[in-house]
Amino acid sequence: MAGSSAQSSTAERIGYISRIESFSACHRLHSIHLSDEENKEVYGKCNNPNGHGHNYKVEVTVRGKIDAKTGMVMNLTDLKKCIEEVIMSPLDHKNLDKDVPYFTTVVSTTENVAVYIWDNMVKVLPPGLLYEIKIHETDKNVVVYRGE
């Protein structure tokens, strides 16, 4: 029976922890693989040569076993340090296209920002713990990436 005390004392528990941070950055949606005219057609006002900015909200979610001794999937202090290293230091108050080498050849769409964050978070988190990156570009535009 689900939820019985016998099962709960021996069952392995899986938990999800999310940490939310906000960062501000500017960018220009412009692909080196498209002509200037194609870029204007595809990206519209987001292709403005002077760029535009966002106040991004990013949610980093980890998934794992709840440790029987600590009661945690991961120490939130450690997750916060990883987010500072991977997201806040390199991206906050930056021009993504000019200040982040990754975006010199990759269009700085929110989808690609999510991939960038994922690829760098997996380098600093314990193996297999990262579950999801969710970025709110605006109140109405949200991107989710799970490493697929």
N, C-alpha and C. Protein backbone atom coordinates (compact mmCIF):
# COMPACT_ATOMS: atom_id res chain seq x y z
N MET A 1 0.85 -1.17 0.00
CA MET A 1 0.00 0.00 0.00
C MET A 1 0.89 1.23 0.00
N ALA A 2 0.61 2.14 -0.92
CA ALA A 2 1.40 3.36 -1.02
C ALA A 2 1.25 4.18 0.25
N GLY A 3 2.37 4.68 0.74
CA GLY A 3 2.34 5.55 1.90
C GLY A 3 2.33 4.81 3.23
N SER A 4 2.40 3.47 3.20
CA SER A 4 2.40 2.74 4.47
C SER A 4 3.70 2.98 5.20
N SER A 5 3.67 2.88 6.52
CA SER A 5 4.86 3.17 7.32
C SER A 5 5.97 2.15 7.06
N ALA A 6 5.62 0.91 6.76
CA ALA A 6 6.65 -0.09 6.47
C ALA A 6 7.39 0.29 5.19
N GLN A 7 6.65 0.73 4.17
CA GLN A 7 7.29 1.10 2.92
C GLN A 7 8.11 2.37 3.10
N SER A 8 7.59 3.34 3.82
CA SER A 8 8.27 4.62 3.94
C SER A 8 9.58 4.51 4.70
N SER A 9 9.71 3.53 5.57
CA SER A 9 10.96 3.41 6.33
C SER A 9 12.06 2.73 5.52
N THR A 10 11.70 1.99 4.47
CA THR A 10 12.73 1.30 3.69
C THR A 10 12.84 1.80 2.25
N ALA A 11 11.84 2.49 1.76
CA ALA A 11 11.84 2.92 0.36
C ALA A 11 12.86 4.03 0.15
N GLU A 12 13.49 3.97 -1.00
CA GLU A 12 14.41 5.04 -1.38
C GLU A 12 13.58 6.22 -1.87
N ARG A 13 13.86 7.37 -1.35
CA ARG A 13 13.09 8.56 -1.70
C ARG A 13 13.87 9.42 -2.68
N ILE A 14 13.17 9.92 -3.68
CA ILE A 14 13.75 10.80 -4.68
C ILE A 14 13.13 12.18 -4.50
N GLY A 15 13.99 13.19 -4.49
CA GLY A 15 13.50 14.56 -4.34
C GLY A 15 14.02 15.45 -5.46
N TYR A 16 13.33 16.56 -5.64
CA TYR A 16 13.70 17.56 -6.63
C TYR A 16 13.90 18.87 -5.87
N ILE A 17 15.01 19.53 -6.13
CA ILE A 17 15.28 20.83 -5.51
C ILE A 17 15.52 21.83 -6.63
N SER A 18 14.86 22.98 -6.53
CA SER A 18 15.07 24.04 -7.51
C SER A 18 15.59 25.29 -6.80
N ARG A 19 16.54 25.93 -7.43
CA ARG A 19 17.06 27.21 -6.97
C ARG A 19 16.78 28.21 -8.08
N ILE A 20 16.24 29.37 -7.73
CA ILE A 20 15.88 30.38 -8.71
C ILE A 20 16.77 31.60 -8.51
N GLU A 21 17.32 32.08 -9.61
CA GLU A 21 18.12 33.30 -9.60
C GLU A 21 17.68 34.14 -10.79
N SER A 22 17.96 35.43 -10.72
CA SER A 22 17.67 36.35 -11.82
C SER A 22 18.95 36.99 -12.29
N PHE A 23 19.05 37.18 -13.60
CA PHE A 23 20.19 37.92 -14.14
C PHE A 23 19.72 38.77 -15.30
N SER A 24 20.43 39.86 -15.51
CA SER A 24 20.12 40.78 -16.61
C SER A 24 21.21 40.69 -17.64
N ALA A 25 20.82 40.64 -18.90
CA ALA A 25 21.80 40.58 -19.98
C ALA A 25 21.16 41.11 -21.26
N CYS A 26 22.02 41.55 -22.17
CA CYS A 26 21.53 41.97 -23.47
C CYS A 26 22.10 41.05 -24.54
N HIS A 27 21.46 41.08 -25.70
CA HIS A 27 21.91 40.26 -26.82
C HIS A 27 21.24 40.75 -28.09
N ARG A 28 21.70 40.19 -29.18
CA ARG A 28 21.08 40.43 -30.49
C ARG A 28 20.90 39.07 -31.15
N LEU A 29 19.69 38.78 -31.57
CA LEU A 29 19.48 37.53 -32.29
C LEU A 29 19.92 37.73 -33.73
N HIS A 30 21.01 37.04 -34.05
CA HIS A 30 21.62 37.19 -35.38
C HIS A 30 22.46 35.94 -35.65
N SER A 31 22.13 35.25 -36.71
CA SER A 31 22.85 34.04 -37.07
C SER A 31 23.88 34.31 -38.15
N ILE A 32 25.10 33.82 -37.93
CA ILE A 32 26.15 33.96 -38.95
C ILE A 32 25.85 33.10 -40.17
N HIS A 33 24.88 32.21 -40.05
CA HIS A 33 24.52 31.32 -41.14
C HIS A 33 23.43 31.88 -42.04
N LEU A 34 22.93 33.07 -41.69
CA LEU A 34 21.88 33.71 -42.48
C LEU A 34 22.36 35.06 -42.99
N SER A 35 21.78 35.50 -44.09
CA SER A 35 22.09 36.84 -44.60
C SER A 35 21.46 37.88 -43.68
N ASP A 36 21.86 39.14 -43.83
CA ASP A 36 21.27 40.21 -43.03
C ASP A 36 19.77 40.27 -43.25
N GLU A 37 19.34 40.10 -44.49
CA GLU A 37 17.90 40.14 -44.80
C GLU A 37 17.17 38.96 -44.14
N GLU A 38 17.76 37.77 -44.21
CA GLU A 38 17.15 36.59 -43.58
C GLU A 38 17.08 36.77 -42.06
N ASN A 39 18.14 37.33 -41.46
CA ASN A 39 18.13 37.58 -40.02
C ASN A 39 17.00 38.52 -39.64
N LYS A 40 16.81 39.59 -40.42
CA LYS A 40 15.72 40.53 -40.13
C LYS A 40 14.37 39.84 -40.23
N GLU A 41 14.24 38.97 -41.25
CA GLU A 41 12.98 38.25 -41.46
C GLU A 41 12.71 37.26 -40.32
N VAL A 42 13.72 36.53 -39.91
CA VAL A 42 13.55 35.49 -38.89
C VAL A 42 13.38 36.09 -37.50
N TYR A 43 14.23 37.05 -37.14
CA TYR A 43 14.28 37.54 -35.76
C TYR A 43 13.55 38.87 -35.53
N GLY A 44 13.14 39.55 -36.61
CA GLY A 44 12.38 40.80 -36.46
C GLY A 44 13.10 41.82 -35.60
N LYS A 45 12.36 42.45 -34.68
CA LYS A 45 12.94 43.51 -33.86
C LYS A 45 14.04 43.00 -32.94
N CYS A 46 14.10 41.71 -32.70
CA CYS A 46 15.16 41.14 -31.86
C CYS A 46 16.50 41.09 -32.58
N ASN A 47 16.50 41.44 -33.88
CA ASN A 47 17.73 41.52 -34.68
C ASN A 47 18.28 42.94 -34.71
N ASN A 48 17.74 43.84 -33.91
CA ASN A 48 18.21 45.21 -33.82
C ASN A 48 19.74 45.23 -33.69
N PRO A 49 20.46 45.92 -34.56
CA PRO A 49 21.93 45.94 -34.49
C PRO A 49 22.49 46.37 -33.14
N ASN A 50 21.73 47.17 -32.39
CA ASN A 50 22.19 47.60 -31.07
C ASN A 50 21.75 46.65 -29.94
N GLY A 51 21.04 45.60 -30.30
CA GLY A 51 20.62 44.61 -29.32
C GLY A 51 19.43 45.05 -28.48
N HIS A 52 19.10 44.23 -27.51
CA HIS A 52 18.03 44.48 -26.56
C HIS A 52 18.31 43.65 -25.32
N GLY A 53 17.64 43.93 -24.22
CA GLY A 53 17.94 43.25 -22.98
C GLY A 53 16.76 42.53 -22.36
N HIS A 54 17.09 41.67 -21.41
CA HIS A 54 16.09 40.92 -20.65
C HIS A 54 16.51 40.83 -19.20
N ASN A 55 15.51 40.72 -18.35
CA ASN A 55 15.73 40.32 -16.96
C ASN A 55 15.30 38.86 -16.89
N TYR A 56 16.27 37.98 -17.07
CA TYR A 56 16.00 36.55 -17.09
C TYR A 56 15.79 36.02 -15.68
N LYS A 57 14.89 35.05 -15.55
CA LYS A 57 14.77 34.30 -14.30
C LYS A 57 15.10 32.85 -14.67
N VAL A 58 16.07 32.29 -13.98
CA VAL A 58 16.48 30.92 -14.30
C VAL A 58 16.27 30.03 -13.08
N GLU A 59 15.71 28.84 -13.34
CA GLU A 59 15.48 27.84 -12.31
C GLU A 59 16.36 26.64 -12.63
N VAL A 60 17.21 26.29 -11.69
CA VAL A 60 18.06 25.11 -11.83
C VAL A 60 17.48 24.04 -10.90
N THR A 61 17.11 22.91 -11.47
CA THR A 61 16.51 21.82 -10.68
C THR A 61 17.43 20.61 -10.70
N VAL A 62 17.69 20.09 -9.51
CA VAL A 62 18.44 18.84 -9.38
C VAL A 62 17.50 17.77 -8.86
N ARG A 63 17.82 16.53 -9.21
CA ARG A 63 16.99 15.39 -8.82
C ARG A 63 17.90 14.30 -8.30
N GLY A 64 17.54 13.74 -7.15
CA GLY A 64 18.36 12.66 -6.62
C GLY A 64 17.78 12.03 -5.37
N LYS A 65 18.53 11.11 -4.84
CA LYS A 65 18.12 10.42 -3.61
C LYS A 65 18.21 11.39 -2.44
N ILE A 66 17.21 11.31 -1.59
CA ILE A 66 17.24 12.09 -0.35
C ILE A 66 18.12 11.32 0.63
N ASP A 67 19.23 11.91 0.98
CA ASP A 67 20.19 11.25 1.86
C ASP A 67 19.57 10.98 3.23
N ALA A 68 19.69 9.75 3.71
CA ALA A 68 19.09 9.36 4.98
C ALA A 68 19.71 10.12 6.16
N LYS A 69 20.97 10.46 6.06
CA LYS A 69 21.64 11.14 7.18
C LYS A 69 21.40 12.65 7.17
N THR A 70 21.48 13.28 6.00
CA THR A 70 21.35 14.74 5.93
C THR A 70 19.93 15.19 5.64
N GLY A 71 19.12 14.32 5.04
CA GLY A 71 17.77 14.69 4.66
C GLY A 71 17.73 15.56 3.40
N MET A 72 18.86 15.62 2.68
CA MET A 72 18.94 16.49 1.51
C MET A 72 19.29 15.70 0.25
N VAL A 73 18.82 16.22 -0.88
CA VAL A 73 19.28 15.75 -2.19
C VAL A 73 20.65 16.36 -2.45
N MET A 74 20.76 17.64 -2.12
CA MET A 74 22.02 18.38 -2.28
C MET A 74 21.95 19.57 -1.34
N ASN A 75 23.07 19.95 -0.82
CA ASN A 75 23.11 21.12 0.03
C ASN A 75 22.85 22.35 -0.83
N LEU A 76 21.83 23.14 -0.47
CA LEU A 76 21.48 24.32 -1.26
C LEU A 76 22.60 25.35 -1.30
N THR A 77 23.43 25.39 -0.29
CA THR A 77 24.58 26.30 -0.30
C THR A 77 25.53 25.92 -1.44
N ASP A 78 25.73 24.63 -1.64
CA ASP A 78 26.59 24.17 -2.74
C ASP A 78 25.96 24.47 -4.09
N LEU A 79 24.65 24.28 -4.21
CA LEU A 79 23.96 24.58 -5.46
C LEU A 79 24.06 26.07 -5.77
N LYS A 80 23.91 26.90 -4.76
CA LYS A 80 24.02 28.35 -4.94
C LYS A 80 25.41 28.72 -5.46
N LYS A 81 26.45 28.10 -4.93
CA LYS A 81 27.82 28.36 -5.40
C LYS A 81 27.99 27.96 -6.86
N CYS A 82 27.43 26.83 -7.25
CA CYS A 82 27.50 26.38 -8.64
C CYS A 82 26.80 27.37 -9.56
N ILE A 83 25.65 27.86 -9.14
CA ILE A 83 24.89 28.82 -9.95
C ILE A 83 25.67 30.13 -10.08
N GLU A 84 26.30 30.56 -9.02
CA GLU A 84 27.12 31.78 -9.07
C GLU A 84 28.24 31.62 -10.10
N GLU A 85 28.91 30.48 -10.07
CA GLU A 85 30.04 30.22 -10.97
C GLU A 85 29.61 30.10 -12.43
N VAL A 86 28.52 29.40 -12.68
CA VAL A 86 28.11 29.06 -14.05
C VAL A 86 27.19 30.11 -14.68
N ILE A 87 26.35 30.73 -13.87
CA ILE A 87 25.34 31.64 -14.43
C ILE A 87 25.64 33.10 -14.10
N MET A 88 25.71 33.39 -12.83
CA MET A 88 25.78 34.79 -12.41
C MET A 88 27.07 35.48 -12.85
N SER A 89 28.20 34.89 -12.57
CA SER A 89 29.48 35.54 -12.92
C SER A 89 29.65 35.74 -14.43
N PRO A 90 29.40 34.72 -15.24
CA PRO A 90 29.64 34.92 -16.67
C PRO A 90 28.51 35.63 -17.44
N LEU A 91 27.28 35.64 -16.90
CA LEU A 91 26.14 36.14 -17.69
C LEU A 91 25.51 37.43 -17.17
N ASP A 92 25.53 37.65 -15.87
CA ASP A 92 24.80 38.79 -15.32
C ASP A 92 25.43 40.12 -15.71
N HIS A 93 24.60 41.02 -16.21
CA HIS A 93 25.02 42.35 -16.68
C HIS A 93 26.08 42.26 -17.77
N LYS A 94 25.87 41.31 -18.68
CA LYS A 94 26.79 41.11 -19.80
C LYS A 94 26.04 41.24 -21.12
N ASN A 95 26.82 41.48 -22.16
CA ASN A 95 26.32 41.36 -23.53
C ASN A 95 26.65 39.93 -23.93
N LEU A 96 25.66 39.10 -24.05
CA LEU A 96 25.90 37.67 -24.29
C LEU A 96 26.75 37.44 -25.53
N ASP A 97 26.47 38.21 -26.59
CA ASP A 97 27.17 38.00 -27.86
C ASP A 97 28.62 38.46 -27.83
N LYS A 98 28.92 39.44 -27.02
CA LYS A 98 30.27 40.01 -27.00
C LYS A 98 31.10 39.59 -25.81
N ASP A 99 30.46 39.24 -24.70
CA ASP A 99 31.19 38.92 -23.47
C ASP A 99 31.29 37.43 -23.17
N VAL A 100 30.51 36.62 -23.84
CA VAL A 100 30.50 35.17 -23.58
C VAL A 100 30.98 34.47 -24.85
N PRO A 101 32.21 33.94 -24.84
CA PRO A 101 32.79 33.35 -26.06
C PRO A 101 31.90 32.32 -26.75
N TYR A 102 31.14 31.55 -25.99
CA TYR A 102 30.25 30.53 -26.56
C TYR A 102 29.32 31.11 -27.61
N PHE A 103 28.87 32.35 -27.39
CA PHE A 103 27.87 32.93 -28.28
C PHE A 103 28.47 33.69 -29.46
N THR A 104 29.76 33.58 -29.67
CA THR A 104 30.33 34.19 -30.88
C THR A 104 29.93 33.39 -32.12
N THR A 105 29.66 32.10 -31.95
CA THR A 105 29.26 31.26 -33.08
C THR A 105 27.88 30.62 -32.90
N VAL A 106 27.26 30.85 -31.74
CA VAL A 106 25.95 30.27 -31.44
C VAL A 106 24.98 31.42 -31.19
N VAL A 107 23.82 31.38 -31.85
CA VAL A 107 22.82 32.44 -31.68
C VAL A 107 22.34 32.43 -30.22
N SER A 108 22.29 33.61 -29.62
CA SER A 108 21.97 33.72 -28.19
C SER A 108 20.47 33.70 -27.90
N THR A 109 19.77 32.74 -28.51
CA THR A 109 18.36 32.52 -28.19
C THR A 109 18.27 32.01 -26.75
N THR A 110 17.11 32.09 -26.18
CA THR A 110 16.94 31.58 -24.82
C THR A 110 17.14 30.06 -24.79
N GLU A 111 16.76 29.39 -25.87
CA GLU A 111 17.01 27.95 -25.95
C GLU A 111 18.51 27.66 -25.83
N ASN A 112 19.31 28.44 -26.55
CA ASN A 112 20.76 28.22 -26.51
C ASN A 112 21.38 28.68 -25.20
N VAL A 113 20.79 29.68 -24.56
CA VAL A 113 21.25 30.08 -23.23
C VAL A 113 21.01 28.92 -22.26
N ALA A 114 19.87 28.25 -22.38
CA ALA A 114 19.57 27.10 -21.53
C ALA A 114 20.57 25.97 -21.76
N VAL A 115 20.91 25.72 -23.02
CA VAL A 115 21.90 24.68 -23.35
C VAL A 115 23.26 25.05 -22.76
N TYR A 116 23.66 26.31 -22.92
CA TYR A 116 24.93 26.80 -22.36
C TYR A 116 24.98 26.56 -20.84
N ILE A 117 23.89 26.93 -20.16
CA ILE A 117 23.85 26.75 -18.71
C ILE A 117 23.91 25.26 -18.36
N TRP A 118 23.14 24.45 -19.04
CA TRP A 118 23.15 22.99 -18.79
C TRP A 118 24.56 22.43 -18.95
N ASP A 119 25.17 22.73 -20.11
CA ASP A 119 26.49 22.16 -20.41
C ASP A 119 27.53 22.54 -19.36
N ASN A 120 27.39 23.71 -18.78
CA ASN A 120 28.35 24.14 -17.77
C ASN A 120 27.97 23.69 -16.36
N MET A 121 26.69 23.57 -16.07
CA MET A 121 26.26 23.07 -14.76
C MET A 121 26.64 21.61 -14.57
N VAL A 122 26.53 20.81 -15.62
CA VAL A 122 26.89 19.38 -15.46
C VAL A 122 28.37 19.21 -15.15
N LYS A 123 29.18 20.20 -15.47
CA LYS A 123 30.61 20.14 -15.17
C LYS A 123 30.91 20.37 -13.69
N VAL A 124 30.03 21.09 -12.99
CA VAL A 124 30.31 21.45 -11.60
C VAL A 124 29.42 20.72 -10.59
N LEU A 125 28.36 20.09 -11.03
CA LEU A 125 27.47 19.33 -10.13
C LEU A 125 27.90 17.87 -10.07
N PRO A 126 27.53 17.18 -9.00
CA PRO A 126 27.78 15.73 -8.96
C PRO A 126 27.10 15.05 -10.15
N PRO A 127 27.72 14.01 -10.69
CA PRO A 127 27.17 13.33 -11.88
C PRO A 127 25.73 12.85 -11.68
N GLY A 128 24.93 13.07 -12.72
CA GLY A 128 23.56 12.58 -12.74
C GLY A 128 22.56 13.38 -11.91
N LEU A 129 22.98 14.47 -11.29
CA LEU A 129 22.08 15.22 -10.41
C LEU A 129 21.26 16.28 -11.14
N LEU A 130 21.81 16.89 -12.20
CA LEU A 130 21.09 17.96 -12.88
C LEU A 130 19.86 17.40 -13.59
N TYR A 131 18.71 18.00 -13.33
CA TYR A 131 17.47 17.52 -13.93
C TYR A 131 16.93 18.48 -14.99
N GLU A 132 16.94 19.80 -14.69
CA GLU A 132 16.28 20.72 -15.60
C GLU A 132 16.80 22.14 -15.44
N ILE A 133 16.86 22.84 -16.57
CA ILE A 133 17.10 24.28 -16.60
C ILE A 133 15.85 24.91 -17.19
N LYS A 134 15.28 25.84 -16.45
CA LYS A 134 14.08 26.55 -16.93
C LYS A 134 14.41 28.05 -16.90
N ILE A 135 14.24 28.70 -18.04
CA ILE A 135 14.52 30.13 -18.13
C ILE A 135 13.26 30.88 -18.53
N HIS A 136 12.93 31.86 -17.73
CA HIS A 136 11.84 32.78 -18.04
C HIS A 136 12.49 34.00 -18.69
N GLU A 137 12.36 34.11 -20.00
CA GLU A 137 12.91 35.25 -20.72
C GLU A 137 12.03 36.49 -20.48
N THR A 138 10.73 36.27 -20.49
CA THR A 138 9.74 37.29 -20.16
C THR A 138 8.67 36.60 -19.33
N ASP A 139 7.64 37.33 -18.93
CA ASP A 139 6.54 36.71 -18.20
C ASP A 139 5.80 35.69 -19.05
N LYS A 140 5.90 35.82 -20.38
CA LYS A 140 5.16 34.95 -21.28
C LYS A 140 6.01 33.94 -22.04
N ASN A 141 7.32 34.10 -22.04
CA ASN A 141 8.21 33.21 -22.78
C ASN A 141 9.11 32.42 -21.82
N VAL A 142 8.93 31.11 -21.83
CA VAL A 142 9.68 30.23 -20.92
C VAL A 142 10.29 29.10 -21.74
N VAL A 143 11.55 28.80 -21.47
CA VAL A 143 12.24 27.70 -22.13
C VAL A 143 12.65 26.67 -21.09
N VAL A 144 12.44 25.39 -21.39
CA VAL A 144 12.85 24.30 -20.51
C VAL A 144 13.83 23.42 -21.28
N TYR A 145 14.94 23.07 -20.63
CA TYR A 145 15.91 22.17 -21.26
C TYR A 145 16.33 21.13 -20.25
N ARG A 146 16.32 19.86 -20.68
CA ARG A 146 16.67 18.74 -19.80
C ARG A 146 17.82 17.91 -20.36
N GLY A 147 18.67 18.52 -21.14
CA GLY A 147 19.86 17.81 -21.61
C GLY A 147 19.60 16.85 -22.76
N GLU A 148 18.45 16.94 -23.38
CA GLU A 148 18.12 16.02 -24.48
C GLU A 148 18.50 16.60 -25.82
